[in-house]
Amino acid sequence: MSRIIILSGAFISLVAGLSSGVALLLGIVAGVATKNPYIDYTRKYTSRLLAWSIVGLGAGVNLSVVAEAGLQGIGYTFVGILATLLVGTLLGRVFGCEKQLTLLICCGTAICGGSAIAAVSATIGASAGATSVSLATVFLLNALALYVFPYVGNLLELTQSQFGLWCALAIHDTSSVVGAALGYGSEALNIATTVKLSRALWIIPLCFALSFRVREHSQEEAKVSAKKPWFILGFLLMSAIVTTFPELTKFGEMVAAISRRVLIMTLYLIGTGLTLDVIKRVGARPLILGVVLWILVGVISLAAIMA
């Protein structure tokens, strides 16, 4: 029965068009309820599925648009990302969180939520437990942001420009950025989407930096866990092909759509690896870290924008 539940959930997450958060939650419930009989396989192959999904997503990205957005927001995004990583690392030590878990939550908060966590997880060879806990933390805060940000924006009477910039700098996932800005106005939506895109670009240099950092700090650990972020090069290559040959745009969009479905199924499989033992071992500290870091980023970025 447990095998049927796990396989059925994987099929549903692949074909039913579930959101990434719902798929992850479904995987966690299925994993806790059934003690995933395929856990060795899911832990072995999810990193590969993550990597190939990221490559496929590149087929839906136009490099010229990405480059333009990156140039517009390169300054304040760099400062914001660096500050978030530094403060998050310090808070992780204060709360006593595992290094991998702290890094994933910091990267998810600093750049673009689940996408950053997936890319960094594949780069450093993060454990299934660390990946699923960090994803769950980020997705929970994304859901809260959809309600909290518009309320605060209206309360403080932020302009559309201010609100769009705030959403792009302080909300994790692109989908939540768009959702929060959508009801605030078209100008807020355009600014939020553009700046958010420039934030997401930093996945590429971050993954390369992390792969070198792991190797420099521990040669033995690197042989086991560190991985070259080849999938980032694959993402750029796919983007370059579709950008160079516009006639491939529709095909690229189809590849990207399939890749999104595979990524969602992979998030479900990652969720099935979150066992009760892992939950008990990790405890509430990662959630507290994620919430505190998110509040700090939101408050400081809002204060800077209003100033």
Foldseek 3Di string as FASTA:
>chain_A
DLVCQLVVLLVCLLPVPDDLLVLLVSLQVSLAVRVDPCLVVLQVCLLVLLLVLLLLLLLQDAVVLLVVLQVVQVVVLVVQLVVLLVVLQVLCVVLVADPLLSNLLSQQFSFAHLNLSSLLCSQQVDGLLSSSVSNNLLVVVLVVCLPPLLVVCVVVVPDLLLSLVLLLGQRGHPVSSQSNSVVVDDSSNVSNNSNSSSRNVVSLVVSQVVLVVVCVVDVVSNVPGGDHSVSSVSSVVSNVVCNVPVVCNVVSVVSSVSSVSSNSSSSSSSSSNNYPVSCVVRDCSSSVSSVVSSVVSSVVSSVVSVD
